[in-house]
Amino acid sequence: MEELKQEMEDNRDDANEKEVESRRSYESFLKHVFSLRTQLRDNESMISKLECEVDDLSSSLHTLRQDLAEEYANMEEARREYDEEKDGFNDTIRRLMIEKEEDIGKISTLQLELANTQD
């Protein structure tokens, strides 16, 4: 009987130890779950902030693209105006060169006429 009593006490002690270990394990598991939930909330908050930053950056990028397109259009317009002015200046230079040659020819003719009248 004493052996049975000892065996029952041993079984009870083992059961108590297993229960204590199970509770420790369960508490550890709960702490881990709580930690994961905290990390999840922190990550969700971080994701939300990053999404806002991405939206802001996307908006800024869109604005910069529009500004770049506008500046490119302005540059193309300035290039066209420059080419037109350059062509106009080249035409003026050609016309002035022709007029110069004509004036030289007129001067030569007048000099000949003057020389002929002085003879």
Protein backbone atom coordinates (compact mmCIF):
# COMPACT_ATOMS: atom_id res chain seq x y z
CA MET A 1 0.00 0.00 0.00
CA GLU A 2 2.86 2.27 0.84
CA GLU A 3 4.26 1.65 -2.63
CA LEU A 4 0.94 2.53 -4.21
CA LYS A 5 0.75 5.70 -2.15
CA GLN A 6 4.33 6.59 -3.15
CA GLU A 7 3.54 5.86 -6.79
CA MET A 8 0.43 8.07 -6.63
CA GLU A 9 2.45 10.87 -5.04
CA ASP A 10 5.12 10.49 -7.70
CA ASN A 11 2.46 10.55 -10.41
CA ARG A 12 0.87 13.61 -8.81
CA ASP A 13 4.27 15.33 -8.56
CA ASP A 14 4.98 14.47 -12.19
CA ALA A 15 1.56 15.76 -13.19
CA ASN A 16 2.13 18.95 -11.19
CA GLU A 17 5.55 19.43 -12.79
CA LYS A 18 4.06 18.83 -16.25
CA GLU A 19 1.24 21.28 -15.49
CA VAL A 20 3.74 23.90 -14.29
CA GLU A 21 5.87 23.31 -17.39
CA SER A 22 2.77 23.47 -19.60
CA ARG A 23 1.73 26.76 -17.99
CA ARG A 24 5.24 28.17 -18.47
CA SER A 25 5.20 27.02 -22.07
CA TYR A 26 1.72 28.49 -22.56
CA GLU A 27 2.76 31.80 -20.95
CA SER A 28 5.85 31.87 -23.13
CA PHE A 29 3.66 31.19 -26.16
CA LEU A 30 1.28 34.02 -25.14
CA LYS A 31 4.23 36.40 -24.71
CA HIS A 32 5.47 35.41 -28.15
CA VAL A 33 2.00 35.93 -29.67
CA PHE A 34 1.74 39.31 -27.93
CA SER A 35 5.19 40.24 -29.25
CA LEU A 36 4.18 39.20 -32.77
CA ARG A 37 0.96 41.25 -32.53
CA THR A 38 2.98 44.25 -31.39
CA GLN A 39 5.39 43.77 -34.28
CA LEU A 40 2.46 43.42 -36.65
CA ARG A 41 0.92 46.70 -35.43
CA ASP A 42 4.30 48.41 -35.72
CA ASN A 43 4.77 47.00 -39.22
CA GLU A 44 1.26 48.08 -40.25
CA SER A 45 2.00 51.57 -38.97
CA MET A 46 5.31 51.62 -40.85
CA ILE A 47 3.62 50.37 -44.02
CA SER A 48 0.98 53.08 -43.72
CA LYS A 49 3.66 55.76 -43.33
CA LEU A 50 5.62 54.35 -46.26
CA GLU A 51 2.49 54.28 -48.42
CA CYS A 52 1.96 57.98 -47.63
CA GLU A 53 5.57 58.70 -48.54
CA VAL A 54 5.21 56.76 -51.80
CA ASP A 55 2.05 58.72 -52.62
CA ASP A 56 3.86 61.99 -51.89
CA LEU A 57 6.85 60.94 -53.98
CA SER A 58 4.59 59.82 -56.82
CA SER A 59 2.82 63.16 -56.76
CA SER A 60 6.14 65.02 -56.74
CA LEU A 61 7.43 62.86 -59.58
CA HIS A 62 4.28 63.54 -61.60
CA THR A 63 4.72 67.29 -61.05
CA LEU A 64 8.40 67.09 -61.99
CA ARG A 65 7.54 65.17 -65.17
CA GLN A 66 5.01 67.86 -66.10
CA ASP A 67 7.57 70.58 -65.40
CA LEU A 68 10.16 68.72 -67.47
CA ALA A 69 7.74 68.32 -70.38
CA GLU A 70 6.91 72.03 -70.19
CA GLU A 71 10.58 73.01 -70.08
CA TYR A 72 11.31 70.70 -73.02
CA ALA A 73 8.50 72.34 -75.01
CA ASN A 74 9.91 75.77 -74.10
CA MET A 75 13.38 74.64 -75.19
CA GLU A 76 12.02 73.40 -78.51
CA GLU A 77 10.21 76.71 -79.05
CA ALA A 78 13.39 78.63 -78.21
CA ARG A 79 15.33 76.42 -80.65
CA ARG A 80 12.80 77.12 -83.41
CA GLU A 81 12.98 80.86 -82.70
CA TYR A 82 16.79 80.71 -82.72
CA ASP A 83 16.80 78.85 -86.05
CA GLU A 84 14.35 81.36 -87.54
CA GLU A 85 16.46 84.32 -86.33
CA LYS A 86 19.65 82.66 -87.58
CA ASP A 87 18.06 82.09 -90.99
CA GLY A 88 16.85 85.70 -90.99
CA PHE A 89 20.33 86.98 -90.11
CA ASN A 90 21.89 84.79 -92.82
CA ASP A 91 19.39 86.16 -95.36
CA THR A 92 20.18 89.72 -94.24
CA ILE A 93 23.93 89.05 -94.54
CA ARG A 94 23.46 87.63 -98.07
CA ARG A 95 21.29 90.59 -99.06
CA LEU A 96 23.83 93.07 -97.64
CA MET A 97 26.67 91.27 -99.46
CA ILE A 98 24.73 91.50 -102.71
CA GLU A 99 23.98 95.19 -102.05
CA LYS A 100 27.66 95.75 -101.26
CA GLU A 101 28.68 94.16 -104.57
CA GLU A 102 26.07 96.25 -106.37
CA ASP A 103 27.31 99.40 -104.59
CA ILE A 104 30.92 98.54 -105.52
CA GLY A 105 29.76 98.11 -109.11
CA LYS A 106 27.96 101.48 -109.02
CA ILE A 107 31.00 103.16 -107.50
CA SER A 108 33.21 101.67 -110.20
CA THR A 109 30.79 102.91 -112.87
CA LEU A 110 30.68 106.39 -111.33
CA GLN A 111 34.47 106.47 -111.10
CA LEU A 112 34.72 105.55 -114.79
CA GLU A 113 32.16 108.18 -115.72
CA LEU A 114 34.00 110.75 -113.63
CA ALA A 115 37.28 109.78 -115.22
CA ASN A 116 35.71 110.04 -118.69
CA THR A 117 34.27 113.48 -117.98
CA GLN A 118 37.60 114.78 -116.74
CA ASP A 119 39.40 113.81 -119.94
